[in-house]
Protein backbone atom coordinates (compact mmCIF):
# COMPACT_ATOMS: atom_id res chain seq x y z
CA UNK A 1 0.00 0.00 0.00
CA UNK A 2 1.42 3.38 -0.91
CA UNK A 3 1.73 6.34 1.42
CA UNK A 4 -1.15 8.31 -0.12
CA UNK A 5 -3.57 5.39 0.26
CA UNK A 6 -2.47 4.84 3.84
CA UNK A 7 -3.05 8.51 4.68
CA UNK A 8 -6.48 8.42 2.97
CA UNK A 9 -7.52 5.46 5.13
CA UNK A 10 -6.24 7.07 8.33
CA UNK A 11 -7.95 10.35 7.39
CA UNK A 12 -11.31 8.66 6.87
CA UNK A 13 -11.03 6.86 10.21
CA UNK A 14 -10.09 10.10 11.97
CA UNK A 15 -13.01 11.92 10.30
CA UNK A 16 -15.47 9.26 11.45
CA UNK A 17 -14.05 9.32 14.96
CA UNK A 18 -14.31 13.12 15.08
CA UNK A 19 -17.96 12.95 14.02
CA UNK A 20 -18.74 10.35 16.69
CA UNK A 21 -16.94 12.33 19.39
CA UNK A 22 -18.66 15.56 18.35
CA UNK A 23 -22.03 13.85 18.72
CA UNK A 24 -21.03 12.23 22.03
CA UNK A 25 -19.69 15.40 23.65
CA UNK A 26 -22.17 17.82 22.09
CA UNK A 27 -19.90 20.03 20.04
CA UNK A 28 -16.38 21.00 19.23
CA UNK A 29 -15.55 22.78 22.48
CA UNK A 30 -14.76 19.61 24.44
CA UNK A 31 -10.98 19.03 24.80
CA UNK A 32 -11.15 15.45 23.45
CA UNK A 33 -13.02 16.63 20.36
CA UNK A 34 -10.51 19.42 19.82
CA UNK A 35 -7.60 16.98 20.05
CA UNK A 36 -9.24 14.72 17.47
CA UNK A 37 -9.83 17.73 15.24
CA UNK A 38 -6.12 18.56 15.44
CA UNK A 39 -5.24 14.96 14.57
CA UNK A 40 -7.52 15.06 11.51
CA UNK A 41 -6.02 18.40 10.47
CA UNK A 42 -2.50 16.94 10.62
CA UNK A 43 -3.52 14.02 8.40
CA UNK A 44 -5.16 16.36 5.90
CA UNK A 45 -2.02 18.50 5.82
CA UNK A 46 0.12 15.42 5.23
CA UNK A 47 -2.11 14.36 2.37
CA UNK A 48 -2.08 17.82 0.79
CA UNK A 49 1.74 17.76 0.82
CA UNK A 50 1.82 14.62 -1.36
CA UNK A 51 2.35 15.44 -5.06
CA UNK A 52 -0.80 15.06 -7.18
CA UNK A 53 0.68 12.19 -9.20
CA UNK A 54 1.00 10.09 -6.06
CA UNK A 55 -2.48 10.92 -4.74
CA UNK A 56 -4.37 9.29 -7.56
CA UNK A 57 -5.70 5.83 -6.77
CA UNK A 58 -4.20 3.08 -8.94
CA UNK A 59 -6.25 2.21 -12.03
């Protein structure tokens, strides 16, 4: 599995976890939700730093 695919999978898991935590804690002001938001942001930044040629899923 290439790096871009691995980051896409981790990003989707982090996004789902953030949504669940936001529902559980009632918003984005809870410290646990904020930490998860930061984690998702880091993954998105990592993905955006990958060149476009590497981001495309294999055909």
